[in-house]
């Protein structure tokens, strides 16, 4: 019997734990919802990063409370995007050691 791979979802469970769904139906309702939420999280992270970069580049004085709020949002966005990266990385096929390296990709050095 073939083991079903699990997909890490971009939202926490009831107690804040990680949530998973079987990854055998990439076009299913839960997978499509997860794809949409991941895309929204990435867009949000880009917007927050753009805002913070604009503030830094302009050399604006920022009140401590505004700075704390921005830092909190940046931290939330980073956590979301790292979870998306982990989820997507977990769904990549395992590399075949017999296949030559892809063109333009440097070989790992030990």
C-alpha atoms as a PDB file:
ATOM      1  CA  UNK A   1       0.000   0.000   0.000  1.00  0.00           C
ATOM      2  CA  UNK A   2       1.368   3.389  -1.009  1.00  0.00           C
ATOM      3  CA  UNK A   3       1.786   5.916   1.803  1.00  0.00           C
ATOM      4  CA  UNK A   4      -0.073   9.182   1.281  1.00  0.00           C
ATOM      5  CA  UNK A   5       2.059  12.301   1.464  1.00  0.00           C
ATOM      6  CA  UNK A   6       0.763  15.103   3.637  1.00  0.00           C
ATOM      7  CA  UNK A   7       0.591  18.769   2.729  1.00  0.00           C
ATOM      8  CA  UNK A   8       1.396  21.344   5.382  1.00  0.00           C
ATOM      9  CA  UNK A   9      -1.429  23.894   5.392  1.00  0.00           C
ATOM     10  CA  UNK A  10      -0.903  27.664   5.762  1.00  0.00           C
ATOM     11  CA  UNK A  11      -3.142  28.005   8.810  1.00  0.00           C
ATOM     12  CA  UNK A  12      -2.874  26.733  12.380  1.00  0.00           C
ATOM     13  CA  UNK A  13      -5.129  24.153  13.965  1.00  0.00           C
ATOM     14  CA  UNK A  14      -7.434  24.829  16.916  1.00  0.00           C
ATOM     15  CA  UNK A  15      -4.597  24.803  19.445  1.00  0.00           C
ATOM     16  CA  UNK A  16      -2.062  26.554  17.225  1.00  0.00           C
ATOM     17  CA  UNK A  17      -0.505  23.299  16.039  1.00  0.00           C
ATOM     18  CA  UNK A  18       0.443  22.609  12.439  1.00  0.00           C
ATOM     19  CA  UNK A  19      -2.301  21.283  10.204  1.00  0.00           C
ATOM     20  CA  UNK A  20      -1.968  18.830   7.347  1.00  0.00           C
ATOM     21  CA  UNK A  21      -4.129  17.361   4.617  1.00  0.00           C
ATOM     22  CA  UNK A  22      -3.459  14.404   2.347  1.00  0.00           C
ATOM     23  CA  UNK A  23      -1.628  15.629  -0.764  1.00  0.00           C
ATOM     24  CA  UNK A  24      -3.299  13.104  -3.070  1.00  0.00           C
ATOM     25  CA  UNK A  25      -5.835  15.597  -4.448  1.00  0.00           C
ATOM     26  CA  UNK A  26      -4.023  18.790  -5.550  1.00  0.00           C
ATOM     27  CA  UNK A  27      -7.195  20.035  -7.273  1.00  0.00           C
ATOM     28  CA  UNK A  28      -9.426  19.382  -4.274  1.00  0.00           C
ATOM     29  CA  UNK A  29     -11.245  22.055  -2.268  1.00  0.00           C
ATOM     30  CA  UNK A  30      -8.769  22.175   0.641  1.00  0.00           C
ATOM     31  CA  UNK A  31      -5.745  22.270  -1.679  1.00  0.00           C
ATOM     32  CA  UNK A  32      -7.236  25.108  -3.752  1.00  0.00           C
ATOM     33  CA  UNK A  33      -8.093  27.040  -0.583  1.00  0.00           C
ATOM     34  CA  UNK A  34      -4.544  26.523   0.726  1.00  0.00           C
ATOM     35  CA  UNK A  35      -3.100  27.679  -2.617  1.00  0.00           C
ATOM     36  CA  UNK A  36      -5.216  30.842  -2.491  1.00  0.00           C
ATOM     37  CA  UNK A  37      -4.255  31.618   1.117  1.00  0.00           C
ATOM     38  CA  UNK A  38      -0.556  31.034   0.368  1.00  0.00           C
ATOM     39  CA  UNK A  39      -0.786  33.451  -2.571  1.00  0.00           C
ATOM     40  CA  UNK A  40      -2.493  36.056  -0.352  1.00  0.00           C
ATOM     41  CA  UNK A  41       0.183  35.622   2.325  1.00  0.00           C
ATOM     42  CA  UNK A  42       2.925  36.217  -0.237  1.00  0.00           C
ATOM     43  CA  UNK A  43       1.199  39.340  -1.611  1.00  0.00           C
ATOM     44  CA  UNK A  44       0.715  40.662   1.933  1.00  0.00           C
ATOM     45  CA  UNK A  45       4.382  40.030   2.765  1.00  0.00           C
ATOM     46  CA  UNK A  46       5.429  41.887  -0.387  1.00  0.00           C
ATOM     47  CA  UNK A  47       3.227  44.857   0.552  1.00  0.00           C
ATOM     48  CA  UNK A  48       4.504  45.038   4.141  1.00  0.00           C
ATOM     49  CA  UNK A  49       8.098  44.718   2.964  1.00  0.00           C
ATOM     50  CA  UNK A  50       7.555  47.473   0.388  1.00  0.00           C
ATOM     51  CA  UNK A  51       6.082  49.759   3.056  1.00  0.00           C
ATOM     52  CA  UNK A  52       8.928  49.129   5.480  1.00  0.00           C
ATOM     53  CA  UNK A  53      11.534  49.533   2.748  1.00  0.00           C
ATOM     54  CA  UNK A  54       9.925  52.850   1.761  1.00  0.00           C
ATOM     55  CA  UNK A  55      10.106  54.099   5.343  1.00  0.00           C
ATOM     56  CA  UNK A  56      13.746  53.051   5.667  1.00  0.00           C
ATOM     57  CA  UNK A  57      14.767  54.497   2.293  1.00  0.00           C
ATOM     58  CA  UNK A  58      13.041  57.812   3.021  1.00  0.00           C
ATOM     59  CA  UNK A  59      14.814  58.100   6.370  1.00  0.00           C
ATOM     60  CA  UNK A  60      11.534  58.918   8.076  1.00  0.00           C
ATOM     61  CA  UNK A  61      11.383  59.219  11.832  1.00  0.00           C
ATOM     62  CA  UNK A  62       9.071  56.530  13.101  1.00  0.00           C
ATOM     63  CA  UNK A  63       7.377  56.594  16.490  1.00  0.00           C
ATOM     64  CA  UNK A  64       8.301  53.630  18.708  1.00  0.00           C
ATOM     65  CA  UNK A  65       4.714  52.326  18.641  1.00  0.00           C
ATOM     66  CA  UNK A  66       4.633  52.476  14.826  1.00  0.00           C
ATOM     67  CA  UNK A  67       8.017  50.786  14.651  1.00  0.00           C
ATOM     68  CA  UNK A  68       6.819  48.033  16.998  1.00  0.00           C
ATOM     69  CA  UNK A  69       3.678  47.521  14.906  1.00  0.00           C
ATOM     70  CA  UNK A  70       5.698  47.317  11.691  1.00  0.00           C
ATOM     71  CA  UNK A  71       8.149  44.879  13.275  1.00  0.00           C
ATOM     72  CA  UNK A  72       5.233  42.722  14.449  1.00  0.00           C
ATOM     73  CA  UNK A  73       3.726  42.657  10.932  1.00  0.00           C
ATOM     74  CA  UNK A  74       7.113  41.897   9.336  1.00  0.00           C
ATOM     75  CA  UNK A  75       7.588  39.015  11.783  1.00  0.00           C
ATOM     76  CA  UNK A  76       4.101  37.650  11.040  1.00  0.00           C
ATOM     77  CA  UNK A  77       4.691  37.887   7.291  1.00  0.00           C
ATOM     78  CA  UNK A  78       8.096  36.218   7.547  1.00  0.00           C
ATOM     79  CA  UNK A  79       6.550  33.360   9.522  1.00  0.00           C
ATOM     80  CA  UNK A  80       3.795  32.962   6.914  1.00  0.00           C
ATOM     81  CA  UNK A  81       6.206  32.966   3.972  1.00  0.00           C
ATOM     82  CA  UNK A  82       8.577  30.516   5.687  1.00  0.00           C
ATOM     83  CA  UNK A  83       5.625  28.169   6.243  1.00  0.00           C
ATOM     84  CA  UNK A  84       4.669  28.492   2.559  1.00  0.00           C
ATOM     85  CA  UNK A  85       8.259  27.688   1.570  1.00  0.00           C
ATOM     86  CA  UNK A  86       8.344  24.652   3.856  1.00  0.00           C
ATOM     87  CA  UNK A  87       5.003  23.412   2.544  1.00  0.00           C
ATOM     88  CA  UNK A  88       6.008  23.828  -1.088  1.00  0.00           C
ATOM     89  CA  UNK A  89       9.435  22.327  -0.476  1.00  0.00           C
ATOM     90  CA  UNK A  90       7.812  19.303   1.127  1.00  0.00           C
ATOM     91  CA  UNK A  91       5.821  18.701  -2.051  1.00  0.00           C
ATOM     92  CA  UNK A  92       8.814  18.753  -4.386  1.00  0.00           C
ATOM     93  CA  UNK A  93       9.803  15.374  -5.758  1.00  0.00           C
ATOM     94  CA  UNK A  94      12.889  13.834  -4.232  1.00  0.00           C
ATOM     95  CA  UNK A  95      15.932  14.454  -6.414  1.00  0.00           C
ATOM     96  CA  UNK A  96      17.151  11.552  -8.481  1.00  0.00           C
ATOM     97  CA  UNK A  97      20.855  11.059  -7.716  1.00  0.00           C
ATOM     98  CA  UNK A  98      21.318   9.441 -11.133  1.00  0.00           C
ATOM     99  CA  UNK A  99      20.120  12.510 -13.069  1.00  0.00           C
ATOM    100  CA  UNK A 100      22.708  15.102 -14.082  1.00  0.00           C
ATOM    101  CA  UNK A 101      22.485  18.498 -12.433  1.00  0.00           C
ATOM    102  CA  UNK A 102      20.176  20.974 -14.143  1.00  0.00           C
ATOM    103  CA  UNK A 103      21.954  23.447 -16.387  1.00  0.00           C
ATOM    104  CA  UNK A 104      22.879  26.624 -14.554  1.00  0.00           C
ATOM    105  CA  UNK A 105      22.469  25.085 -11.113  1.00  0.00           C
ATOM    106  CA  UNK A 106      25.797  24.791  -9.307  1.00  0.00           C
ATOM    107  CA  UNK A 107      26.772  21.426  -7.937  1.00  0.00           C
ATOM    108  CA  UNK A 108      26.688  21.126  -4.141  1.00  0.00           C
ATOM    109  CA  UNK A 109      30.129  21.171  -2.534  1.00  0.00           C
ATOM    110  CA  UNK A 110      30.980  19.120   0.510  1.00  0.00           C
END
